[in-house]
Amino acid sequence: MRIALAALCSLFLTGCNETVKVLDKPVLVERAELILPTTPPAVQLEMKWTVITPENFLQKVKELEGKDVVYYALTAEGYQNLSLNIAELRKYIQNQNAVIAAYKEYYKKRVK
């Protein structure tokens, strides 16, 4: 009985013995195609700007009377800075689009 039990246990232990195959060289795997959605351009709502100067201040206030109006004031330098900031933002967005296009092109070349 002991011999049969010992033989059965050794059979189970040897059944679990499995050799592991080790690869000698790394296997290169192709990258999946990079699919990026195109970003639609931003749609801006129309805004009407009214230029108020010391000469037309009273007339413009009278024209806008009864409407919900908020007054903002910019100096000529402030308006120039606003224009430069918008141009800088536009340049940043164009640079980001170029980076995305470069990634897309890189992955297209690698997949083929």
PDB file of N, CA and C in Angstrom:
ATOM      1  N   MET A   1       0.822  -1.181   0.000  1.00  0.00           N
ATOM      2  CA  MET A   1       0.000   0.000   0.000  1.00  0.00           C
ATOM      3  C   MET A   1       0.876   1.259   0.000  1.00  0.00           C
ATOM      4  N   ARG A   2       1.945   1.241   0.798  1.00  0.00           N
ATOM      5  CA  ARG A   2       2.841   2.394   0.861  1.00  0.00           C
ATOM      6  C   ARG A   2       3.549   2.590  -0.475  1.00  0.00           C
ATOM      7  N   ILE A   3       3.891   1.518  -1.099  1.00  0.00           N
ATOM      8  CA  ILE A   3       4.596   1.611  -2.382  1.00  0.00           C
ATOM      9  C   ILE A   3       3.669   2.212  -3.435  1.00  0.00           C
ATOM     10  N   ALA A   4       2.423   1.788  -3.413  1.00  0.00           N
ATOM     11  CA  ALA A   4       1.458   2.319  -4.382  1.00  0.00           C
ATOM     12  C   ALA A   4       1.221   3.807  -4.133  1.00  0.00           C
ATOM     13  N   LEU A   5       1.131   4.204  -2.874  1.00  0.00           N
ATOM     14  CA  LEU A   5       0.929   5.620  -2.524  1.00  0.00           C
ATOM     15  C   LEU A   5       2.145   6.452  -2.922  1.00  0.00           C
ATOM     16  N   ALA A   6       3.345   5.911  -2.697  1.00  0.00           N
ATOM     17  CA  ALA A   6       4.573   6.619  -3.073  1.00  0.00           C
ATOM     18  C   ALA A   6       4.664   6.757  -4.587  1.00  0.00           C
ATOM     19  N   ALA A   7       4.279   5.711  -5.302  1.00  0.00           N
ATOM     20  CA  ALA A   7       4.323   5.770  -6.762  1.00  0.00           C
ATOM     21  C   ALA A   7       3.312   6.787  -7.288  1.00  0.00           C
ATOM     22  N   LEU A   8       2.132   6.833  -6.680  1.00  0.00           N
ATOM     23  CA  LEU A   8       1.098   7.780  -7.094  1.00  0.00           C
ATOM     24  C   LEU A   8       1.532   9.221  -6.834  1.00  0.00           C
ATOM     25  N   CYS A   9       2.140   9.453  -5.665  1.00  0.00           N
ATOM     26  CA  CYS A   9       2.620  10.813  -5.340  1.00  0.00           C
ATOM     27  C   CYS A   9       3.732  11.245  -6.295  1.00  0.00           C
ATOM     28  N   SER A  10       4.645  10.331  -6.603  1.00  0.00           N
ATOM     29  CA  SER A  10       5.726  10.696  -7.526  1.00  0.00           C
ATOM     30  C   SER A  10       5.187  10.957  -8.924  1.00  0.00           C
ATOM     31  N   LEU A  11       4.128  10.255  -9.317  1.00  0.00           N
ATOM     32  CA  LEU A  11       3.492  10.503 -10.609  1.00  0.00           C
ATOM     33  C   LEU A  11       2.898  11.907 -10.662  1.00  0.00           C
ATOM     34  N   PHE A  12       2.232  12.317  -9.584  1.00  0.00           N
ATOM     35  CA  PHE A  12       1.650  13.664  -9.530  1.00  0.00           C
ATOM     36  C   PHE A  12       2.729  14.742  -9.564  1.00  0.00           C
ATOM     37  N   LEU A  13       3.810  14.509  -8.826  1.00  0.00           N
ATOM     38  CA  LEU A  13       4.889  15.501  -8.780  1.00  0.00           C
ATOM     39  C   LEU A  13       5.597  15.625 -10.116  1.00  0.00           C
ATOM     40  N   THR A  14       5.819  14.534 -10.799  1.00  0.00           N
ATOM     41  CA  THR A  14       6.482  14.605 -12.095  1.00  0.00           C
ATOM     42  C   THR A  14       5.551  15.146 -13.164  1.00  0.00           C
ATOM     43  N   GLY A  15       4.256  14.999 -12.969  1.00  0.00           N
ATOM     44  CA  GLY A  15       3.293  15.553 -13.925  1.00  0.00           C
ATOM     45  C   GLY A  15       3.293  17.078 -13.894  1.00  0.00           C
ATOM     46  N   CYS A  16       3.649  17.663 -12.760  1.00  0.00           N
ATOM     47  CA  CYS A  16       3.693  19.122 -12.637  1.00  0.00           C
ATOM     48  C   CYS A  16       5.003  19.702 -13.138  1.00  0.00           C
ATOM     49  N   ASN A  17       5.984  18.851 -13.357  1.00  0.00           N
ATOM     50  CA  ASN A  17       7.276  19.319 -13.822  1.00  0.00           C
ATOM     51  C   ASN A  17       7.165  19.694 -15.301  1.00  0.00           C
ATOM     52  N   GLU A  18       7.358  20.952 -15.585  1.00  0.00           N
ATOM     53  CA  GLU A  18       7.263  21.432 -16.963  1.00  0.00           C
ATOM     54  C   GLU A  18       8.485  22.272 -17.250  1.00  0.00           C
ATOM     55  N   THR A  19       9.085  22.090 -18.388  1.00  0.00           N
ATOM     56  CA  THR A  19      10.245  22.891 -18.743  1.00  0.00           C
ATOM     57  C   THR A  19       9.769  24.201 -19.363  1.00  0.00           C
ATOM     58  N   VAL A  20      10.447  25.264 -19.010  1.00  0.00           N
ATOM     59  CA  VAL A  20      10.108  26.589 -19.519  1.00  0.00           C
ATOM     60  C   VAL A  20      11.099  26.938 -20.621  1.00  0.00           C
ATOM     61  N   LYS A  21      10.572  27.297 -21.766  1.00  0.00           N
ATOM     62  CA  LYS A  21      11.417  27.645 -22.901  1.00  0.00           C
ATOM     63  C   LYS A  21      11.739  29.144 -22.823  1.00  0.00           C
ATOM     64  N   VAL A  22      13.021  29.460 -22.835  1.00  0.00           N
ATOM     65  CA  VAL A  22      13.463  30.843 -22.764  1.00  0.00           C
ATOM     66  C   VAL A  22      13.869  31.279 -24.168  1.00  0.00           C
ATOM     67  N   LEU A  23      13.339  32.425 -24.569  1.00  0.00           N
ATOM     68  CA  LEU A  23      13.673  32.949 -25.893  1.00  0.00           C
ATOM     69  C   LEU A  23      15.061  33.575 -25.865  1.00  0.00           C
ATOM     70  N   ASP A  24      15.821  33.337 -26.905  1.00  0.00           N
ATOM     71  CA  ASP A  24      17.159  33.893 -26.975  1.00  0.00           C
ATOM     72  C   ASP A  24      17.143  35.345 -27.435  1.00  0.00           C
ATOM     73  N   LYS A  25      16.233  35.666 -28.335  1.00  0.00           N
ATOM     74  CA  LYS A  25      16.193  37.002 -28.903  1.00  0.00           C
ATOM     75  C   LYS A  25      14.838  37.639 -28.601  1.00  0.00           C
ATOM     76  N   PRO A  26      14.823  38.951 -28.387  1.00  0.00           N
ATOM     77  CA  PRO A  26      13.529  39.612 -28.198  1.00  0.00           C
ATOM     78  C   PRO A  26      12.739  39.609 -29.515  1.00  0.00           C
ATOM     79  N   VAL A  27      11.457  39.554 -29.389  1.00  0.00           N
ATOM     80  CA  VAL A  27      10.591  39.544 -30.559  1.00  0.00           C
ATOM     81  C   VAL A  27      10.038  40.948 -30.754  1.00  0.00           C
ATOM     82  N   LEU A  28      10.236  41.500 -31.940  1.00  0.00           N
ATOM     83  CA  LEU A  28       9.714  42.828 -32.240  1.00  0.00           C
ATOM     84  C   LEU A  28       8.244  42.712 -32.619  1.00  0.00           C
ATOM     85  N   VAL A  29       7.449  43.534 -32.002  1.00  0.00           N
ATOM     86  CA  VAL A  29       6.016  43.544 -32.279  1.00  0.00           C
ATOM     87  C   VAL A  29       5.693  44.848 -32.988  1.00  0.00           C
ATOM     88  N   GLU A  30       4.965  44.756 -34.086  1.00  0.00           N
ATOM     89  CA  GLU A  30       4.580  45.954 -34.824  1.00  0.00           C
ATOM     90  C   GLU A  30       3.607  46.783 -34.000  1.00  0.00           C
ATOM     91  N   ARG A  31       3.760  48.076 -34.106  1.00  0.00           N
ATOM     92  CA  ARG A  31       2.844  48.969 -33.388  1.00  0.00           C
ATOM     93  C   ARG A  31       1.505  49.009 -34.095  1.00  0.00           C
ATOM     94  N   ALA A  32       0.492  49.167 -33.307  1.00  0.00           N
ATOM     95  CA  ALA A  32      -0.841  49.321 -33.892  1.00  0.00           C
ATOM     96  C   ALA A  32      -0.934  50.694 -34.544  1.00  0.00           C
ATOM     97  N   GLU A  33      -1.772  50.800 -35.533  1.00  0.00           N
ATOM     98  CA  GLU A  33      -1.942  52.068 -36.244  1.00  0.00           C
ATOM     99  C   GLU A  33      -2.531  53.106 -35.302  1.00  0.00           C
ATOM    100  N   LEU A  34      -1.961  54.285 -35.331  1.00  0.00           N
ATOM    101  CA  LEU A  34      -2.436  55.380 -34.509  1.00  0.00           C
ATOM    102  C   LEU A  34      -3.595  56.055 -35.217  1.00  0.00           C
ATOM    103  N   ILE A  35      -4.749  56.015 -34.621  1.00  0.00           N
ATOM    104  CA  ILE A  35      -5.931  56.633 -35.214  1.00  0.00           C
ATOM    105  C   ILE A  35      -6.353  57.790 -34.323  1.00  0.00           C
ATOM    106  N   LEU A  36      -6.172  58.983 -34.826  1.00  0.00           N
ATOM    107  CA  LEU A  36      -6.550  60.185 -34.082  1.00  0.00           C
ATOM    108  C   LEU A  36      -7.681  60.879 -34.815  1.00  0.00           C
ATOM    109  N   PRO A  37      -8.706  61.258 -34.102  1.00  0.00           N
ATOM    110  CA  PRO A  37      -9.785  61.985 -34.776  1.00  0.00           C
ATOM    111  C   PRO A  37      -9.319  63.400 -35.123  1.00  0.00           C
ATOM    112  N   THR A  38      -9.804  63.897 -36.232  1.00  0.00           N
ATOM    113  CA  THR A  38      -9.475  65.278 -36.576  1.00  0.00           C
ATOM    114  C   THR A  38     -10.332  66.204 -35.727  1.00  0.00           C
ATOM    115  N   THR A  39      -9.718  67.250 -35.292  1.00  0.00           N
ATOM    116  CA  THR A  39     -10.416  68.202 -34.441  1.00  0.00           C
ATOM    117  C   THR A  39     -11.086  69.254 -35.308  1.00  0.00           C
ATOM    118  N   PRO A  40     -12.397  69.394 -35.178  1.00  0.00           N
ATOM    119  CA  PRO A  40     -13.058  70.426 -35.975  1.00  0.00           C
ATOM    120  C   PRO A  40     -12.668  71.809 -35.462  1.00  0.00           C
ATOM    121  N   PRO A  41     -12.679  72.788 -36.333  1.00  0.00           N
ATOM    122  CA  PRO A  41     -12.327  74.134 -35.873  1.00  0.00           C
ATOM    123  C   PRO A  41     -13.364  74.652 -34.877  1.00  0.00           C
ATOM    124  N   ALA A  42     -12.902  75.496 -33.996  1.00  0.00           N
ATOM    125  CA  ALA A  42     -13.797  76.076 -32.995  1.00  0.00           C
ATOM    126  C   ALA A  42     -14.772  77.032 -33.677  1.00  0.00           C
ATOM    127  N   VAL A  43     -16.019  76.935 -33.302  1.00  0.00           N
ATOM    128  CA  VAL A  43     -17.044  77.817 -33.854  1.00  0.00           C
ATOM    129  C   VAL A  43     -17.273  78.926 -32.836  1.00  0.00           C
ATOM    130  N   GLN A  44     -17.060  80.129 -33.270  1.00  0.00           N
ATOM    131  CA  GLN A  44     -17.198  81.277 -32.389  1.00  0.00           C
ATOM    132  C   GLN A  44     -18.528  81.980 -32.666  1.00  0.00           C
ATOM    133  N   LEU A  45     -19.163  82.412 -31.629  1.00  0.00           N
ATOM    134  CA  LEU A  45     -20.398  83.179 -31.776  1.00  0.00           C
ATOM    135  C   LEU A  45     -20.051  84.628 -32.092  1.00  0.00           C
ATOM    136  N   GLU A  46     -20.936  85.251 -32.825  1.00  0.00           N
ATOM    137  CA  GLU A  46     -20.701  86.635 -33.238  1.00  0.00           C
ATOM    138  C   GLU A  46     -20.787  87.564 -32.035  1.00  0.00           C
ATOM    139  N   MET A  47     -19.866  88.491 -31.988  1.00  0.00           N
ATOM    140  CA  MET A  47     -19.879  89.520 -30.951  1.00  0.00           C
ATOM    141  C   MET A  47     -19.813  90.872 -31.648  1.00  0.00           C
ATOM    142  N   LYS A  48     -20.548  91.812 -31.139  1.00  0.00           N
ATOM    143  CA  LYS A  48     -20.503  93.149 -31.717  1.00  0.00           C
ATOM    144  C   LYS A  48     -19.742  94.050 -30.759  1.00  0.00           C
ATOM    145  N   TRP A  49     -18.683  94.621 -31.271  1.00  0.00           N
ATOM    146  CA  TRP A  49     -17.874  95.533 -30.481  1.00  0.00           C
ATOM    147  C   TRP A  49     -18.298  96.959 -30.805  1.00  0.00           C
ATOM    148  N   THR A  50     -18.423  97.757 -29.782  1.00  0.00           N
ATOM    149  CA  THR A  50     -18.735  99.172 -29.953  1.00  0.00           C
ATOM    150  C   THR A  50     -17.563  99.969 -29.396  1.00  0.00           C
ATOM    151  N   VAL A  51     -17.016 100.799 -30.213  1.00  0.00           N
ATOM    152  CA  VAL A  51     -15.881 101.620 -29.789  1.00  0.00           C
ATOM    153  C   VAL A  51     -16.431 102.906 -29.196  1.00  0.00           C
ATOM    154  N   ILE A  52     -16.062 103.138 -27.972  1.00  0.00           N
ATOM    155  CA  ILE A  52     -16.522 104.347 -27.281  1.00  0.00           C
ATOM    156  C   ILE A  52     -15.320 105.244 -27.021  1.00  0.00           C
ATOM    157  N   THR A  53     -15.444 106.449 -27.463  1.00  0.00           N
ATOM    158  CA  THR A  53     -14.387 107.445 -27.261  1.00  0.00           C
ATOM    159  C   THR A  53     -14.972 108.590 -26.437  1.00  0.00           C
ATOM    160  N   PRO A  54     -14.139 109.463 -25.951  1.00  0.00           N
ATOM    161  CA  PRO A  54     -14.689 110.600 -25.201  1.00  0.00           C
ATOM    162  C   PRO A  54     -15.665 111.429 -26.040  1.00  0.00           C
ATOM    163  N   GLU A  55     -15.458 111.459 -27.357  1.00  0.00           N
ATOM    164  CA  GLU A  55     -16.325 112.267 -28.215  1.00  0.00           C
ATOM    165  C   GLU A  55     -17.708 111.638 -28.405  1.00  0.00           C
ATOM    166  N   ASN A  56     -17.800 110.306 -28.466  1.00  0.00           N
ATOM    167  CA  ASN A  56     -19.096 109.670 -28.730  1.00  0.00           C
ATOM    168  C   ASN A  56     -19.681 108.957 -27.504  1.00  0.00           C
ATOM    169  N   PHE A  57     -19.119 109.191 -26.335  1.00  0.00           N
ATOM    170  CA  PHE A  57     -19.538 108.465 -25.137  1.00  0.00           C
ATOM    171  C   PHE A  57     -21.027 108.644 -24.848  1.00  0.00           C
ATOM    172  N   LEU A  58     -21.501 109.884 -24.762  1.00  0.00           N
ATOM    173  CA  LEU A  58     -22.907 110.139 -24.411  1.00  0.00           C
ATOM    174  C   LEU A  58     -23.845 109.565 -25.470  1.00  0.00           C
ATOM    175  N   GLN A  59     -23.492 109.689 -26.739  1.00  0.00           N
ATOM    176  CA  GLN A  59     -24.332 109.167 -27.820  1.00  0.00           C
ATOM    177  C   GLN A  59     -24.433 107.638 -27.727  1.00  0.00           C
ATOM    178  N   LYS A  60     -23.318 106.949 -27.502  1.00  0.00           N
ATOM    179  CA  LYS A  60     -23.324 105.478 -27.432  1.00  0.00           C
ATOM    180  C   LYS A  60     -24.071 104.975 -26.199  1.00  0.00           C
ATOM    181  N   VAL A  61     -23.936 105.676 -25.088  1.00  0.00           N
ATOM    182  CA  VAL A  61     -24.665 105.282 -23.878  1.00  0.00           C
ATOM    183  C   VAL A  61     -26.160 105.413 -24.131  1.00  0.00           C
ATOM    184  N   LYS A  62     -26.573 106.455 -24.822  1.00  0.00           N
ATOM    185  CA  LYS A  62     -27.988 106.658 -25.137  1.00  0.00           C
ATOM    186  C   LYS A  62     -28.495 105.568 -26.088  1.00  0.00           C
ATOM    187  N   GLU A  63     -27.670 105.178 -27.103  1.00  0.00           N
ATOM    188  CA  GLU A  63     -28.052 104.125 -28.050  1.00  0.00           C
ATOM    189  C   GLU A  63     -28.218 102.766 -27.354  1.00  0.00           C
ATOM    190  N   LEU A  64     -27.396 102.521 -26.387  1.00  0.00           N
ATOM    191  CA  LEU A  64     -27.410 101.217 -25.714  1.00  0.00           C
ATOM    192  C   LEU A  64     -28.332 101.193 -24.496  1.00  0.00           C
ATOM    193  N   GLU A  65     -29.016 102.263 -24.251  1.00  0.00           N
ATOM    194  CA  GLU A  65     -29.910 102.357 -23.090  1.00  0.00           C
ATOM    195  C   GLU A  65     -31.047 101.334 -23.208  1.00  0.00           C
ATOM    196  N   GLY A  66     -31.356 100.666 -22.105  1.00  0.00           N
ATOM    197  CA  GLY A  66     -32.433  99.688 -22.086  1.00  0.00           C
ATOM    198  C   GLY A  66     -31.968  98.278 -22.442  1.00  0.00           C
ATOM    199  N   LYS A  67     -30.727  98.124 -22.864  1.00  0.00           N
ATOM    200  CA  LYS A  67     -30.176  96.807 -23.180  1.00  0.00           C
ATOM    201  C   LYS A  67     -29.264  96.379 -22.034  1.00  0.00           C
ATOM    202  N   ASP A  68     -29.100  95.061 -21.917  1.00  0.00           N
ATOM    203  CA  ASP A  68     -28.130  94.564 -20.940  1.00  0.00           C
ATOM    204  C   ASP A  68     -26.743  94.780 -21.516  1.00  0.00           C
ATOM    205  N   VAL A  69     -26.038  95.737 -20.968  1.00  0.00           N
ATOM    206  CA  VAL A  69     -24.733  96.123 -21.507  1.00  0.00           C
ATOM    207  C   VAL A  69     -23.697  96.060 -20.400  1.00  0.00           C
ATOM    208  N   VAL A  70     -22.524  95.593 -20.764  1.00  0.00           N
ATOM    209  CA  VAL A  70     -21.379  95.622 -19.864  1.00  0.00           C
ATOM    210  C   VAL A  70     -20.286  96.389 -20.593  1.00  0.00           C
ATOM    211  N   TYR A  71     -19.678  97.322 -19.915  1.00  0.00           N
ATOM    212  CA  TYR A  71     -18.633  98.120 -20.532  1.00  0.00           C
ATOM    213  C   TYR A  71     -17.264  97.568 -20.136  1.00  0.00           C
ATOM    214  N   TYR A  72     -16.410  97.413 -21.128  1.00  0.00           N
ATOM    215  CA  TYR A  72     -15.015  97.052 -20.906  1.00  0.00           C
ATOM    216  C   TYR A  72     -14.180  98.164 -21.507  1.00  0.00           C
ATOM    217  N   ALA A  73     -13.107  98.427 -20.883  1.00  0.00           N
ATOM    218  CA  ALA A  73     -12.240  99.480 -21.411  1.00  0.00           C
ATOM    219  C   ALA A  73     -10.835  98.924 -21.592  1.00  0.00           C
ATOM    220  N   LEU A  74     -10.240  99.243 -22.719  1.00  0.00           N
ATOM    221  CA  LEU A  74      -8.860  98.883 -22.998  1.00  0.00           C
ATOM    222  C   LEU A  74      -8.138 100.109 -23.517  1.00  0.00           C
ATOM    223  N   THR A  75      -6.928 100.235 -23.110  1.00  0.00           N
ATOM    224  CA  THR A  75      -6.102 101.278 -23.712  1.00  0.00           C
ATOM    225  C   THR A  75      -5.633 100.752 -25.066  1.00  0.00           C
ATOM    226  N   ALA A  76      -5.023 101.618 -25.849  1.00  0.00           N
ATOM    227  CA  ALA A  76      -4.498 101.174 -27.145  1.00  0.00           C
ATOM    228  C   ALA A  76      -3.457 100.075 -26.938  1.00  0.00           C
ATOM    229  N   GLU A  77      -2.650 100.218 -25.899  1.00  0.00           N
ATOM    230  CA  GLU A  77      -1.639  99.200 -25.591  1.00  0.00           C
ATOM    231  C   GLU A  77      -2.307  97.887 -25.148  1.00  0.00           C
ATOM    232  N   GLY A  78      -3.366  98.004 -24.357  1.00  0.00           N
ATOM    233  CA  GLY A  78      -4.093  96.817 -23.921  1.00  0.00           C
ATOM    234  C   GLY A  78      -4.738  96.084 -25.090  1.00  0.00           C
ATOM    235  N   TYR A  79      -5.275  96.840 -26.041  1.00  0.00           N
ATOM    236  CA  TYR A  79      -5.877  96.219 -27.225  1.00  0.00           C
ATOM    237  C   TYR A  79      -4.810  95.521 -28.062  1.00  0.00           C
ATOM    238  N   GLN A  80      -3.651  96.136 -28.170  1.00  0.00           N
ATOM    239  CA  GLN A  80      -2.545  95.523 -28.906  1.00  0.00           C
ATOM    240  C   GLN A  80      -2.113  94.225 -28.197  1.00  0.00           C
ATOM    241  N   ASN A  81      -2.025  94.243 -26.877  1.00  0.00           N
ATOM    242  CA  ASN A  81      -1.663  93.036 -26.130  1.00  0.00           C
ATOM    243  C   ASN A  81      -2.708  91.941 -26.307  1.00  0.00           C
ATOM    244  N   LEU A  82      -3.984  92.307 -26.350  1.00  0.00           N
ATOM    245  CA  LEU A  82      -5.049  91.332 -26.589  1.00  0.00           C
ATOM    246  C   LEU A  82      -4.857  90.676 -27.955  1.00  0.00           C
ATOM    247  N   SER A  83      -4.550  91.472 -28.959  1.00  0.00           N
ATOM    248  CA  SER A  83      -4.310  90.938 -30.306  1.00  0.00           C
ATOM    249  C   SER A  83      -3.102  90.009 -30.320  1.00  0.00           C
ATOM    250  N   LEU A  84      -2.033  90.404 -29.634  1.00  0.00           N
ATOM    251  CA  LEU A  84      -0.827  89.572 -29.581  1.00  0.00           C
ATOM    252  C   LEU A  84      -1.094  88.264 -28.829  1.00  0.00           C
ATOM    253  N   ASN A  85      -1.894  88.323 -27.768  1.00  0.00           N
ATOM    254  CA  ASN A  85      -2.233  87.105 -27.016  1.00  0.00           C
ATOM    255  C   ASN A  85      -3.025  86.132 -27.879  1.00  0.00           C
ATOM    256  N   ILE A  86      -3.965  86.653 -28.645  1.00  0.00           N
ATOM    257  CA  ILE A  86      -4.758  85.785 -29.531  1.00  0.00           C
ATOM    258  C   ILE A  86      -3.855  85.171 -30.602  1.00  0.00           C
ATOM    259  N   ALA A  87      -2.925  85.958 -31.136  1.00  0.00           N
ATOM    260  CA  ALA A  87      -1.985  85.433 -32.131  1.00  0.00           C
ATOM    261  C   ALA A  87      -1.095  84.361 -31.516  1.00  0.00           C
ATOM    262  N   GLU A  88      -0.673  84.561 -30.284  1.00  0.00           N
ATOM    263  CA  GLU A  88       0.161  83.573 -29.589  1.00  0.00           C
ATOM    264  C   GLU A  88      -0.619  82.278 -29.357  1.00  0.00           C
ATOM    265  N   LEU A  89      -1.867  82.398 -28.987  1.00  0.00           N
ATOM    266  CA  LEU A  89      -2.722  81.234 -28.797  1.00  0.00           C
ATOM    267  C   LEU A  89      -2.913  80.483 -30.111  1.00  0.00           C
ATOM    268  N   ARG A  90      -3.117  81.215 -31.185  1.00  0.00           N
ATOM    269  CA  ARG A  90      -3.266  80.609 -32.510  1.00  0.00           C
ATOM    270  C   ARG A  90      -1.994  79.856 -32.905  1.00  0.00           C
ATOM    271  N   LYS A  91      -0.832  80.465 -32.625  1.00  0.00           N
ATOM    272  CA  LYS A  91       0.452  79.830 -32.937  1.00  0.00           C
ATOM    273  C   LYS A  91       0.628  78.545 -32.113  1.00  0.00           C
ATOM    274  N   TYR A  92       0.248  78.577 -30.841  1.00  0.00           N
ATOM    275  CA  TYR A  92       0.354  77.403 -29.982  1.00  0.00           C
ATOM    276  C   TYR A  92      -0.518  76.257 -30.508  1.00  0.00           C
ATOM    277  N   ILE A  93      -1.726  76.581 -30.922  1.00  0.00           N
ATOM    278  CA  ILE A  93      -2.631  75.556 -31.457  1.00  0.00           C
ATOM    279  C   ILE A  93      -2.060  74.969 -32.747  1.00  0.00           C
ATOM    280  N   GLN A  94      -1.499  75.798 -33.600  1.00  0.00           N
ATOM    281  CA  GLN A  94      -0.889  75.303 -34.835  1.00  0.00           C
ATOM    282  C   GLN A  94       0.299  74.387 -34.532  1.00  0.00           C
ATOM    283  N   ASN A  95       1.101  74.746 -33.525  1.00  0.00           N
ATOM    284  CA  ASN A  95       2.228  73.893 -33.131  1.00  0.00           C
ATOM    285  C   ASN A  95       1.737  72.547 -32.609  1.00  0.00           C
ATOM    286  N   GLN A  96       0.687  72.557 -31.816  1.00  0.00           N
ATOM    287  CA  GLN A  96       0.138  71.302 -31.295  1.00  0.00           C
ATOM    288  C   GLN A  96      -0.404  70.441 -32.431  1.00  0.00           C
ATOM    289  N   ASN A  97      -1.048  71.060 -33.403  1.00  0.00           N
ATOM    290  CA  ASN A  97      -1.533  70.308 -34.575  1.00  0.00           C
ATOM    291  C   ASN A  97      -0.369  69.696 -35.341  1.00  0.00           C
ATOM    292  N   ALA A  98       0.753  70.418 -35.429  1.00  0.00           N
ATOM    293  CA  ALA A  98       1.931  69.889 -36.118  1.00  0.00           C
ATOM    294  C   ALA A  98       2.515  68.702 -35.363  1.00  0.00           C
ATOM    295  N   VAL A  99       2.533  68.772 -34.043  1.00  0.00           N
ATOM    296  CA  VAL A  99       3.039  67.656 -33.234  1.00  0.00           C
ATOM    297  C   VAL A  99       2.151  66.432 -33.424  1.00  0.00           C
ATOM    298  N   ILE A 100       0.856  66.618 -33.400  1.00  0.00           N
ATOM    299  CA  ILE A 100      -0.079  65.508 -33.592  1.00  0.00           C
ATOM    300  C   ILE A 100       0.097  64.908 -34.988  1.00  0.00           C
ATOM    301  N   ALA A 101       0.257  65.758 -35.987  1.00  0.00           N
ATOM    302  CA  ALA A 101       0.465  65.270 -37.352  1.00  0.00           C
ATOM    303  C   ALA A 101       1.770  64.484 -37.452  1.00  0.00           C
ATOM    304  N   ALA A 102       2.810  64.936 -36.756  1.00  0.00           N
ATOM    305  CA  ALA A 102       4.094  64.228 -36.781  1.00  0.00           C
ATOM    306  C   ALA A 102       3.965  62.853 -36.129  1.00  0.00           C
ATOM    307  N   TYR A 103       3.262  62.770 -35.000  1.00  0.00           N
ATOM    308  CA  TYR A 103       3.026  61.470 -34.363  1.00  0.00           C
ATOM    309  C   TYR A 103       2.248  60.546 -35.295  1.00  0.00           C
ATOM    310  N   LYS A 104       1.246  61.090 -35.915  1.00  0.00           N
ATOM    311  CA  LYS A 104       0.418  60.290 -36.814  1.00  0.00           C
ATOM    312  C   LYS A 104       1.257  59.757 -37.967  1.00  0.00           C
ATOM    313  N   GLU A 105       2.083  60.599 -38.553  1.00  0.00           N
ATOM    314  CA  GLU A 105       2.937  60.187 -39.668  1.00  0.00           C
ATOM    315  C   GLU A 105       3.962  59.150 -39.205  1.00  0.00           C
ATOM    316  N   TYR A 106       4.519  59.342 -38.031  1.00  0.00           N
ATOM    317  CA  TYR A 106       5.501  58.404 -37.483  1.00  0.00           C
ATOM    318  C   TYR A 106       4.888  57.014 -37.329  1.00  0.00           C
ATOM    319  N   TYR A 107       3.709  56.953 -36.764  1.00  0.00           N
ATOM    320  CA  TYR A 107       3.080  55.653 -36.547  1.00  0.00           C
ATOM    321  C   TYR A 107       2.611  55.021 -37.855  1.00  0.00           C
ATOM    322  N   LYS A 108       2.240  55.835 -38.826  1.00  0.00           N
ATOM    323  CA  LYS A 108       1.848  55.296 -40.139  1.00  0.00           C
ATOM    324  C   LYS A 108       3.045  54.600 -40.788  1.00  0.00           C
ATOM    325  N   LYS A 109       4.202  55.226 -40.729  1.00  0.00           N
ATOM    326  CA  LYS A 109       5.409  54.654 -41.339  1.00  0.00           C
ATOM    327  C   LYS A 109       5.819  53.371 -40.622  1.00  0.00           C
ATOM    328  N   ARG A 110       5.674  53.316 -39.311  1.00  0.00           N
ATOM    329  CA  ARG A 110       6.105  52.154 -38.540  1.00  0.00           C
ATOM    330  C   ARG A 110       5.185  50.950 -38.722  1.00  0.00           C
ATOM    331  N   VAL A 111       3.918  51.200 -38.986  1.00  0.00           N
ATOM    332  CA  VAL A 111       2.957  50.105 -39.116  1.00  0.00           C
ATOM    333  C   VAL A 111       3.111  49.405 -40.445  1.00  0.00           C
ATOM    334  N   LYS A 112       3.389  50.152 -41.506  1.00  0.00           N
ATOM    335  CA  LYS A 112       3.449  49.568 -42.854  1.00  0.00           C
ATOM    336  C   LYS A 112       4.574  48.640 -43.026  1.00  0.00           C
TER     337      LYS A 112
END
